[in-house]
Amino acid sequence: MTRRHTTRRVVFVDHPALHEIVVYGREREWQLIAEIPAGVTKNAPREFVFEAGKASLEVHFCEDEVTQNSYAFVVGATRNVAESLITMIERDLDSWSRAQLLEEMDRGAGFDETGRALIRLALSAPLEFDQPVYDRVRDGLQHSDERLRDLSIWATSYTPWPEYRALLRDVAAHDDSERIRDRAARMLDSFDFAGV
């Protein structure tokens, strides 16, 4: 079986963004090959899979009603072709840039704004470890607001880097909230199950 490359996610500014991605795909003669309803697995977004050209490329577009975000990623036979397509999508459609997401996270004024920024940043994190994203998730795990600590635990699941394990262990052992300790322990169990 051939290993396929999956890109990072590109998070769109607008939600929902289905109309824009369908028009964009139609202009490029993409074919819709699958539609997966929301909630097939717990908290799973609604997902549309488009075949993009003849290079064994798939564009996965997700409408996530839990986080109120729309995003896309590409799966392809080769890294270069898949990365090229996700970069083109990011350039052509109104999406959050890395700089904007980091700035939005740092500017966060209160739970709502900071929480939205954290989830967008985690959704768009690169597949390889990224110190700026890690630092902001770490800061969220140490925040005085229990709701932000809870969101930060959830954020570790989007791109589950092994580097998060020590943070989650610390939260599971020492957080003031029993609920947060329990959630961190369950996230560690999920990491174990996934082999992270």
Foldseek 3Di string as FASTA:
>chain_A
DADKDKWAKWWAPDPPPVVVVVVVCVVQPWAWDDWDPAPPDNQRFTWIWTHGDDQQKIKIWTHRPVLRIIIIMMIGRDPVVRVVVNVVVNVPGHTQDLVNLLVQCVPDDDDPSNLSSLLNNLRRDTLDDDVSNVVSLLCQCVDPDPVSVLSSLVSCVNNPDPVCLVSLCCQLPDPPDPVSVVSSVVSVVVCVVVVD
